[in-house]
Amino acid sequence: MTRRGKFLTLLAVVAFAGFLLWSTLSSQRVECSVAVAFSGSEGSGSASASSEEDALREAQVAACGPLSRSMNDRIACSRTPPVSRQCRTL
C-alpha cells in the first residue's frame, strides 16, 4: 500500500470513529443519579439517556447491581423507590 493509501485509510478510520462518538453522545440528553437502600445496604448509580425516564431506570439498575446477589434481588431492588434522585439536562 502506498503512503497516500495508508493516509486515506487512516483518515477514513478516524472519521468513522468520530462519527460513532458524535452519534452516541448526541443522543444523551439527560443525566440522572440515584441512591437506593436495599437489604440494609445503600448504593448509588448514574446514567445518561435520551429521556429522564430512561436515565432514571438505568441509574437505578447501576445502583442495584452491587446490592443484589441474585436475579430476584435485582428485580426487587429495581422496584424499590430511590432514597434520592437528581437529574440534569446535558
PDB file of N, CA and C in Angstrom:
ATOM      1  N   MET A   1       0.851  -1.164   0.000  1.00  0.00           N
ATOM      2  CA  MET A   1       0.000   0.000   0.000  1.00  0.00           C
ATOM      3  C   MET A   1       0.905   1.239   0.000  1.00  0.00           C
ATOM      4  N   THR A   2       0.519   2.181  -0.796  1.00  0.00           N
ATOM      5  CA  THR A   2       1.308   3.409  -0.899  1.00  0.00           C
ATOM      6  C   THR A   2       1.093   4.288   0.328  1.00  0.00           C
ATOM      7  N   ARG A   3       1.948   5.266   0.443  1.00  0.00           N
ATOM      8  CA  ARG A   3       1.853   6.195   1.575  1.00  0.00           C
ATOM      9  C   ARG A   3       0.525   6.958   1.538  1.00  0.00           C
ATOM     10  N   ARG A   4       0.113   7.335   0.350  1.00  0.00           N
ATOM     11  CA  ARG A   4      -1.158   8.055   0.204  1.00  0.00           C
ATOM     12  C   ARG A   4      -2.336   7.155   0.577  1.00  0.00           C
ATOM     13  N   GLY A   5      -2.268   5.894   0.183  1.00  0.00           N
ATOM     14  CA  GLY A   5      -3.323   4.940   0.519  1.00  0.00           C
ATOM     15  C   GLY A   5      -3.442   4.732   2.018  1.00  0.00           C
ATOM     16  N   LYS A   6      -2.301   4.632   2.701  1.00  0.00           N
ATOM     17  CA  LYS A   6      -2.314   4.478   4.158  1.00  0.00           C
ATOM     18  C   LYS A   6      -2.924   5.708   4.824  1.00  0.00           C
ATOM     19  N   PHE A   7      -2.561   6.888   4.317  1.00  0.00           N
ATOM     20  CA  PHE A   7      -3.095   8.127   4.879  1.00  0.00           C
ATOM     21  C   PHE A   7      -4.608   8.196   4.704  1.00  0.00           C
ATOM     22  N   LEU A   8      -5.094   7.854   3.518  1.00  0.00           N
ATOM     23  CA  LEU A   8      -6.540   7.901   3.267  1.00  0.00           C
ATOM     24  C   LEU A   8      -7.281   6.870   4.116  1.00  0.00           C
ATOM     25  N   THR A   9      -6.677   5.701   4.296  1.00  0.00           N
ATOM     26  CA  THR A   9      -7.297   4.682   5.146  1.00  0.00           C
ATOM     27  C   THR A   9      -7.369   5.162   6.596  1.00  0.00           C
ATOM     28  N   LEU A  10      -6.278   5.728   7.081  1.00  0.00           N
ATOM     29  CA  LEU A  10      -6.257   6.267   8.442  1.00  0.00           C
ATOM     30  C   LEU A  10      -7.275   7.390   8.608  1.00  0.00           C
ATOM     31  N   LEU A  11      -7.366   8.257   7.623  1.00  0.00           N
ATOM     32  CA  LEU A  11      -8.331   9.351   7.656  1.00  0.00           C
ATOM     33  C   LEU A  11      -9.762   8.818   7.701  1.00  0.00           C
ATOM     34  N   ALA A  12     -10.053   7.782   6.920  1.00  0.00           N
ATOM     35  CA  ALA A  12     -11.394   7.191   6.913  1.00  0.00           C
ATOM     36  C   ALA A  12     -11.720   6.559   8.266  1.00  0.00           C
ATOM     37  N   VAL A  13     -10.758   5.876   8.874  1.00  0.00           N
ATOM     38  CA  VAL A  13     -10.981   5.241  10.175  1.00  0.00           C
ATOM     39  C   VAL A  13     -11.229   6.296  11.253  1.00  0.00           C
ATOM     40  N   VAL A  14     -10.445   7.356  11.253  1.00  0.00           N
ATOM     41  CA  VAL A  14     -10.622   8.433  12.233  1.00  0.00           C
ATOM     42  C   VAL A  14     -11.970   9.124  12.037  1.00  0.00           C
ATOM     43  N   ALA A  15     -12.362   9.355  10.793  1.00  0.00           N
ATOM     44  CA  ALA A  15     -13.654   9.988  10.516  1.00  0.00           C
ATOM     45  C   ALA A  15     -14.804   9.099  10.991  1.00  0.00           C
ATOM     46  N   PHE A  16     -14.697   7.801  10.760  1.00  0.00           N
ATOM     47  CA  PHE A  16     -15.740   6.871  11.188  1.00  0.00           C
ATOM     48  C   PHE A  16     -15.827   6.827  12.714  1.00  0.00           C
ATOM     49  N   ALA A  17     -14.681   6.775  13.390  1.00  0.00           N
ATOM     50  CA  ALA A  17     -14.669   6.771  14.859  1.00  0.00           C
ATOM     51  C   ALA A  17     -15.268   8.065  15.407  1.00  0.00           C
ATOM     52  N   GLY A  18     -14.957   9.185  14.778  1.00  0.00           N
ATOM     53  CA  GLY A  18     -15.532  10.463  15.193  1.00  0.00           C
ATOM     54  C   GLY A  18     -17.037  10.490  15.020  1.00  0.00           C
ATOM     55  N   PHE A  19     -17.513   9.941  13.910  1.00  0.00           N
ATOM     56  CA  PHE A  19     -18.956   9.876  13.673  1.00  0.00           C
ATOM     57  C   PHE A  19     -19.641   9.008  14.728  1.00  0.00           C
ATOM     58  N   LEU A  20     -19.057   7.851  15.044  1.00  0.00           N
ATOM     59  CA  LEU A  20     -19.650   6.985  16.068  1.00  0.00           C
ATOM     60  C   LEU A  20     -19.706   7.679  17.423  1.00  0.00           C
ATOM     61  N   LEU A  21     -18.638   8.348  17.788  1.00  0.00           N
ATOM     62  CA  LEU A  21     -18.607   9.076  19.051  1.00  0.00           C
ATOM     63  C   LEU A  21     -19.655  10.180  19.074  1.00  0.00           C
ATOM     64  N   TRP A  22     -19.740  10.949  18.021  1.00  0.00           N
ATOM     65  CA  TRP A  22     -20.716  12.039  17.946  1.00  0.00           C
ATOM     66  C   TRP A  22     -22.141  11.500  18.015  1.00  0.00           C
ATOM     67  N   SER A  23     -22.448  10.450  17.245  1.00  0.00           N
ATOM     68  CA  SER A  23     -23.822   9.940  17.218  1.00  0.00           C
ATOM     69  C   SER A  23     -24.221   9.321  18.555  1.00  0.00           C
ATOM     70  N   THR A  24     -23.270   8.730  19.258  1.00  0.00           N
ATOM     71  CA  THR A  24     -23.568   8.156  20.570  1.00  0.00           C
ATOM     72  C   THR A  24     -23.809   9.246  21.605  1.00  0.00           C
ATOM     73  N   LEU A  25     -22.932  10.221  21.655  1.00  0.00           N
ATOM     74  CA  LEU A  25     -23.037  11.258  22.680  1.00  0.00           C
ATOM     75  C   LEU A  25     -24.156  12.253  22.414  1.00  0.00           C
ATOM     76  N   SER A  26     -24.509  12.477  21.167  1.00  0.00           N
ATOM     77  CA  SER A  26     -25.555  13.456  20.875  1.00  0.00           C
ATOM     78  C   SER A  26     -26.936  12.961  21.284  1.00  0.00           C
ATOM     79  N   SER A  27     -27.107  11.648  21.423  1.00  0.00           N
ATOM     80  CA  SER A  27     -28.414  11.123  21.828  1.00  0.00           C
ATOM     81  C   SER A  27     -28.609  11.182  23.340  1.00  0.00           C
ATOM     82  N   GLN A  28     -27.560  11.435  24.095  1.00  0.00           N
ATOM     83  CA  GLN A  28     -27.645  11.515  25.551  1.00  0.00           C
ATOM     84  C   GLN A  28     -28.076  12.923  25.946  1.00  0.00           C
ATOM     85  N   ARG A  29     -29.328  13.085  26.347  1.00  0.00           N
ATOM     86  CA  ARG A  29     -29.883  14.403  26.644  1.00  0.00           C
ATOM     87  C   ARG A  29     -30.042  14.682  28.140  1.00  0.00           C
ATOM     88  N   VAL A  30     -30.172  13.622  28.963  1.00  0.00           N
ATOM     89  CA  VAL A  30     -30.435  13.776  30.397  1.00  0.00           C
ATOM     90  C   VAL A  30     -29.493  12.858  31.172  1.00  0.00           C
ATOM     91  N   GLU A  31     -28.969  13.361  32.284  1.00  0.00           N
ATOM     92  CA  GLU A  31     -28.141  12.543  33.171  1.00  0.00           C
ATOM     93  C   GLU A  31     -28.793  12.522  34.546  1.00  0.00           C
ATOM     94  N   CYS A  32     -28.949  11.326  35.113  1.00  0.00           N
ATOM     95  CA  CYS A  32     -29.578  11.179  36.428  1.00  0.00           C
ATOM     96  C   CYS A  32     -28.677  10.384  37.362  1.00  0.00           C
ATOM     97  N   SER A  33     -28.750  10.728  38.640  1.00  0.00           N
ATOM     98  CA  SER A  33     -28.067   9.994  39.704  1.00  0.00           C
ATOM     99  C   SER A  33     -29.112   9.607  40.740  1.00  0.00           C
ATOM    100  N   VAL A  34     -29.019   8.371  41.232  1.00  0.00           N
ATOM    101  CA  VAL A  34     -29.955   7.900  42.255  1.00  0.00           C
ATOM    102  C   VAL A  34     -29.184   7.218  43.377  1.00  0.00           C
ATOM    103  N   ALA A  35     -29.779   7.224  44.560  1.00  0.00           N
ATOM    104  CA  ALA A  35     -29.291   6.453  45.703  1.00  0.00           C
ATOM    105  C   ALA A  35     -30.417   5.509  46.109  1.00  0.00           C
ATOM    106  N   VAL A  36     -30.068   4.242  46.332  1.00  0.00           N
ATOM    107  CA  VAL A  36     -31.055   3.214  46.641  1.00  0.00           C
ATOM    108  C   VAL A  36     -30.646   2.507  47.927  1.00  0.00           C
ATOM    109  N   ALA A  37     -31.612   2.281  48.814  1.00  0.00           N
ATOM    110  CA  ALA A  37     -31.398   1.477  50.018  1.00  0.00           C
ATOM    111  C   ALA A  37     -32.110   0.148  49.815  1.00  0.00           C
ATOM    112  N   PHE A  38     -31.347  -0.957  49.959  1.00  0.00           N
ATOM    113  CA  PHE A  38     -31.919  -2.286  49.743  1.00  0.00           C
ATOM    114  C   PHE A  38     -31.189  -3.294  50.626  1.00  0.00           C
ATOM    115  N   SER A  39     -31.937  -4.084  51.361  1.00  0.00           N
ATOM    116  CA  SER A  39     -31.393  -5.141  52.228  1.00  0.00           C
ATOM    117  C   SER A  39     -30.340  -4.616  53.198  1.00  0.00           C
ATOM    118  N   GLY A  40     -30.574  -3.462  53.767  1.00  0.00           N
ATOM    119  CA  GLY A  40     -29.665  -2.914  54.749  1.00  0.00           C
ATOM    120  C   GLY A  40     -28.424  -2.248  54.186  1.00  0.00           C
ATOM    121  N   SER A  41     -28.317  -2.161  52.882  1.00  0.00           N
ATOM    122  CA  SER A  41     -27.172  -1.500  52.246  1.00  0.00           C
ATOM    123  C   SER A  41     -27.667  -0.366  51.374  1.00  0.00           C
ATOM    124  N   GLU A  42     -26.775   0.528  51.065  1.00  0.00           N
ATOM    125  CA  GLU A  42     -27.133   1.639  50.185  1.00  0.00           C
ATOM    126  C   GLU A  42     -26.128   1.713  49.045  1.00  0.00           C
ATOM    127  N   GLY A  43     -26.647   1.974  47.858  1.00  0.00           N
ATOM    128  CA  GLY A  43     -25.793   2.108  46.684  1.00  0.00           C
ATOM    129  C   GLY A  43     -26.239   3.280  45.850  1.00  0.00           C
ATOM    130  N   SER A  44     -25.353   3.747  45.005  1.00  0.00           N
ATOM    131  CA  SER A  44     -25.696   4.862  44.126  1.00  0.00           C
ATOM    132  C   SER A  44     -25.229   4.541  42.715  1.00  0.00           C
ATOM    133  N   GLY A  45     -25.884   5.177  41.773  1.00  0.00           N
ATOM    134  CA  GLY A  45     -25.523   4.983  40.379  1.00  0.00           C
ATOM    135  C   GLY A  45     -25.950   6.172  39.558  1.00  0.00           C
ATOM    136  N   SER A  46     -25.349   6.315  38.405  1.00  0.00           N
ATOM    137  CA  SER A  46     -25.724   7.399  37.499  1.00  0.00           C
ATOM    138  C   SER A  46     -25.731   6.865  36.079  1.00  0.00           C
ATOM    139  N   ALA A  47     -26.526   7.514  35.240  1.00  0.00           N
ATOM    140  CA  ALA A  47     -26.637   7.112  33.842  1.00  0.00           C
ATOM    141  C   ALA A  47     -27.146   8.289  33.033  1.00  0.00           C
ATOM    142  N   SER A  48     -26.904   8.245  31.741  1.00  0.00           N
ATOM    143  CA  SER A  48     -27.445   9.259  30.836  1.00  0.00           C
ATOM    144  C   SER A  48     -28.222   8.552  29.739  1.00  0.00           C
ATOM    145  N   ALA A  49     -29.230   9.240  29.238  1.00  0.00           N
ATOM    146  CA  ALA A  49     -30.087   8.669  28.199  1.00  0.00           C
ATOM    147  C   ALA A  49     -30.797   9.802  27.469  1.00  0.00           C
ATOM    148  N   SER A  50     -31.626   9.422  26.519  1.00  0.00           N
ATOM    149  CA  SER A  50     -32.341  10.430  25.739  1.00  0.00           C
ATOM    150  C   SER A  50     -33.536  11.004  26.489  1.00  0.00           C
ATOM    151  N   SER A  51     -34.060  10.280  27.492  1.00  0.00           N
ATOM    152  CA  SER A  51     -35.184  10.798  28.277  1.00  0.00           C
ATOM    153  C   SER A  51     -34.889  10.629  29.767  1.00  0.00           C
ATOM    154  N   GLU A  52     -35.574  11.410  30.589  1.00  0.00           N
ATOM    155  CA  GLU A  52     -35.380  11.330  32.038  1.00  0.00           C
ATOM    156  C   GLU A  52     -35.810   9.973  32.567  1.00  0.00           C
ATOM    157  N   GLU A  53     -36.894   9.444  32.044  1.00  0.00           N
ATOM    158  CA  GLU A  53     -37.389   8.138  32.477  1.00  0.00           C
ATOM    159  C   GLU A  53     -36.343   7.047  32.234  1.00  0.00           C
ATOM    160  N   ASP A  54     -35.740   7.042  31.052  1.00  0.00           N
ATOM    161  CA  ASP A  54     -34.719   6.040  30.735  1.00  0.00           C
ATOM    162  C   ASP A  54     -33.472   6.217  31.597  1.00  0.00           C
ATOM    163  N   ALA A  55     -33.063   7.461  31.807  1.00  0.00           N
ATOM    164  CA  ALA A  55     -31.870   7.723  32.617  1.00  0.00           C
ATOM    165  C   ALA A  55     -32.095   7.297  34.067  1.00  0.00           C
ATOM    166  N   LEU A  56     -33.278   7.565  34.614  1.00  0.00           N
ATOM    167  CA  LEU A  56     -33.580   7.142  35.985  1.00  0.00           C
ATOM    168  C   LEU A  56     -33.571   5.623  36.107  1.00  0.00           C
ATOM    169  N   ARG A  57     -34.182   4.948  35.148  1.00  0.00           N
ATOM    170  CA  ARG A  57     -34.234   3.484  35.182  1.00  0.00           C
ATOM    171  C   ARG A  57     -32.821   2.888  35.130  1.00  0.00           C
ATOM    172  N   GLU A  58     -31.999   3.383  34.222  1.00  0.00           N
ATOM    173  CA  GLU A  58     -30.647   2.844  34.086  1.00  0.00           C
ATOM    174  C   GLU A  58     -29.766   3.196  35.285  1.00  0.00           C
ATOM    175  N   ALA A  59     -29.972   4.366  35.877  1.00  0.00           N
ATOM    176  CA  ALA A  59     -29.221   4.728  37.082  1.00  0.00           C
ATOM    177  C   ALA A  59     -29.604   3.808  38.239  1.00  0.00           C
ATOM    178  N   GLN A  60     -30.877   3.467  38.333  1.00  0.00           N
ATOM    179  CA  GLN A  60     -31.326   2.552  39.387  1.00  0.00           C
ATOM    180  C   GLN A  60     -30.738   1.159  39.163  1.00  0.00           C
ATOM    181  N   VAL A  61     -30.686   0.716  37.924  1.00  0.00           N
ATOM    182  CA  VAL A  61     -30.067  -0.580  37.617  1.00  0.00           C
ATOM    183  C   VAL A  61     -28.600  -0.568  38.037  1.00  0.00           C
ATOM    184  N   ALA A  62     -27.908   0.528  37.750  1.00  0.00           N
ATOM    185  CA  ALA A  62     -26.495   0.644  38.134  1.00  0.00           C
ATOM    186  C   ALA A  62     -26.332   0.657  39.648  1.00  0.00           C
ATOM    187  N   ALA A  63     -27.247   1.296  40.348  1.00  0.00           N
ATOM    188  CA  ALA A  63     -27.172   1.356  41.813  1.00  0.00           C
ATOM    189  C   ALA A  63     -27.487   0.003  42.440  1.00  0.00           C
ATOM    190  N   CYS A  64     -28.392  -0.741  41.853  1.00  0.00           N
ATOM    191  CA  CYS A  64     -28.811  -2.024  42.423  1.00  0.00           C
ATOM    192  C   CYS A  64     -27.823  -3.156  42.132  1.00  0.00           C
ATOM    193  N   GLY A  65     -27.008  -3.013  41.117  1.00  0.00           N
ATOM    194  CA  GLY A  65     -26.081  -4.081  40.739  1.00  0.00           C
ATOM    195  C   GLY A  65     -25.249  -4.616  41.893  1.00  0.00           C
ATOM    196  N   PRO A  66     -24.491  -3.775  42.590  1.00  0.00           N
ATOM    197  CA  PRO A  66     -23.659  -4.278  43.692  1.00  0.00           C
ATOM    198  C   PRO A  66     -24.452  -4.701  44.931  1.00  0.00           C
ATOM    199  N   LEU A  67     -25.702  -4.274  45.036  1.00  0.00           N
ATOM    200  CA  LEU A  67     -26.502  -4.582  46.226  1.00  0.00           C
ATOM    201  C   LEU A  67     -27.225  -5.913  46.126  1.00  0.00           C
ATOM    202  N   SER A  68     -27.382  -6.450  44.933  1.00  0.00           N
ATOM    203  CA  SER A  68     -28.187  -7.652  44.741  1.00  0.00           C
ATOM    204  C   SER A  68     -27.291  -8.865  44.504  1.00  0.00           C
ATOM    205  N   ARG A  69     -27.728  -9.981  45.086  1.00  0.00           N
ATOM    206  CA  ARG A  69     -26.960 -11.221  44.968  1.00  0.00           C
ATOM    207  C   ARG A  69     -27.577 -12.192  43.964  1.00  0.00           C
ATOM    208  N   SER A  70     -28.823 -11.981  43.620  1.00  0.00           N
ATOM    209  CA  SER A  70     -29.498 -12.883  42.685  1.00  0.00           C
ATOM    210  C   SER A  70     -30.403 -12.067  41.772  1.00  0.00           C
ATOM    211  N   MET A  71     -30.949 -12.727  40.781  1.00  0.00           N
ATOM    212  CA  MET A  71     -31.859 -12.047  39.867  1.00  0.00           C
ATOM    213  C   MET A  71     -33.110 -11.585  40.611  1.00  0.00           C
ATOM    214  N   ASN A  72     -33.588 -12.380  41.560  1.00  0.00           N
ATOM    215  CA  ASN A  72     -34.755 -11.965  42.349  1.00  0.00           C
ATOM    216  C   ASN A  72     -34.456 -10.696  43.134  1.00  0.00           C
ATOM    217  N   ASP A  73     -33.262 -10.622  43.735  1.00  0.00           N
ATOM    218  CA  ASP A  73     -32.861  -9.406  44.456  1.00  0.00           C
ATOM    219  C   ASP A  73     -32.770  -8.220  43.508  1.00  0.00           C
ATOM    220  N   ARG A  74     -32.228  -8.454  42.334  1.00  0.00           N
ATOM    221  CA  ARG A  74     -32.070  -7.364  41.363  1.00  0.00           C
ATOM    222  C   ARG A  74     -33.431  -6.805  40.953  1.00  0.00           C
ATOM    223  N   ILE A  75     -34.394  -7.689  40.733  1.00  0.00           N
ATOM    224  CA  ILE A  75     -35.742  -7.248  40.359  1.00  0.00           C
ATOM    225  C   ILE A  75     -36.391  -6.499  41.518  1.00  0.00           C
ATOM    226  N   ALA A  76     -36.264  -7.046  42.732  1.00  0.00           N
ATOM    227  CA  ALA A  76     -36.847  -6.384  43.907  1.00  0.00           C
ATOM    228  C   ALA A  76     -36.202  -5.021  44.142  1.00  0.00           C
ATOM    229  N   CYS A  77     -34.896  -4.937  43.980  1.00  0.00           N
ATOM    230  CA  CYS A  77     -34.201  -3.665  44.178  1.00  0.00           C
ATOM    231  C   CYS A  77     -34.629  -2.639  43.133  1.00  0.00           C
ATOM    232  N   SER A  78     -34.805  -3.083  41.911  1.00  0.00           N
ATOM    233  CA  SER A  78     -35.196  -2.140  40.852  1.00  0.00           C
ATOM    234  C   SER A  78     -36.606  -1.599  41.058  1.00  0.00           C
ATOM    235  N   ARG A  79     -37.410  -2.309  41.844  1.00  0.00           N
ATOM    236  CA  ARG A  79     -38.772  -1.844  42.140  1.00  0.00           C
ATOM    237  C   ARG A  79     -38.839  -1.007  43.417  1.00  0.00           C
ATOM    238  N   THR A  80     -37.732  -0.889  44.122  1.00  0.00           N
ATOM    239  CA  THR A  80     -37.668  -0.089  45.347  1.00  0.00           C
ATOM    240  C   THR A  80     -37.532   1.384  44.980  1.00  0.00           C
ATOM    241  N   PRO A  81     -38.359   2.254  45.558  1.00  0.00           N
ATOM    242  CA  PRO A  81     -38.210   3.686  45.262  1.00  0.00           C
ATOM    243  C   PRO A  81     -36.843   4.194  45.731  1.00  0.00           C
ATOM    244  N   PRO A  82     -36.195   5.032  44.951  1.00  0.00           N
ATOM    245  CA  PRO A  82     -34.886   5.545  45.350  1.00  0.00           C
ATOM    246  C   PRO A  82     -34.976   6.456  46.574  1.00  0.00           C
ATOM    247  N   VAL A  83     -33.924   6.453  47.384  1.00  0.00           N
ATOM    248  CA  VAL A  83     -33.827   7.338  48.541  1.00  0.00           C
ATOM    249  C   VAL A  83     -33.688   8.779  48.060  1.00  0.00           C
ATOM    250  N   SER A  84     -32.887   8.967  47.040  1.00  0.00           N
ATOM    251  CA  SER A  84     -32.746  10.296  46.438  1.00  0.00           C
ATOM    252  C   SER A  84     -32.513  10.140  44.945  1.00  0.00           C
ATOM    253  N   ARG A  85     -32.879  11.174  44.217  1.00  0.00           N
ATOM    254  CA  ARG A  85     -32.659  11.181  42.773  1.00  0.00           C
ATOM    255  C   ARG A  85     -32.454  12.612  42.313  1.00  0.00           C
ATOM    256  N   GLN A  86     -31.608  12.745  41.323  1.00  0.00           N
ATOM    257  CA  GLN A  86     -31.300  14.071  40.793  1.00  0.00           C
ATOM    258  C   GLN A  86     -31.013  13.927  39.305  1.00  0.00           C
ATOM    259  N   CYS A  87     -31.662  14.764  38.510  1.00  0.00           N
ATOM    260  CA  CYS A  87     -31.468  14.732  37.062  1.00  0.00           C
ATOM    261  C   CYS A  87     -31.096  16.120  36.554  1.00  0.00           C
ATOM    262  N   ARG A  88     -30.336  16.140  35.479  1.00  0.00           N
ATOM    263  CA  ARG A  88     -29.987  17.405  34.828  1.00  0.00           C
ATOM    264  C   ARG A  88     -29.921  17.170  33.328  1.00  0.00           C
ATOM    265  N   THR A  89     -30.259  18.198  32.592  1.00  0.00           N
ATOM    266  CA  THR A  89     -30.176  18.102  31.137  1.00  0.00           C
ATOM    267  C   THR A  89     -28.750  18.394  30.698  1.00  0.00           C
ATOM    268  N   LEU A  90     -28.356  17.722  29.646  1.00  0.00           N
ATOM    269  CA  LEU A  90     -26.995  17.893  29.119  1.00  0.00           C
ATOM    270  C   LEU A  90     -26.977  18.837  27.946  1.00  0.00           C
TER     271      LEU A  90
END
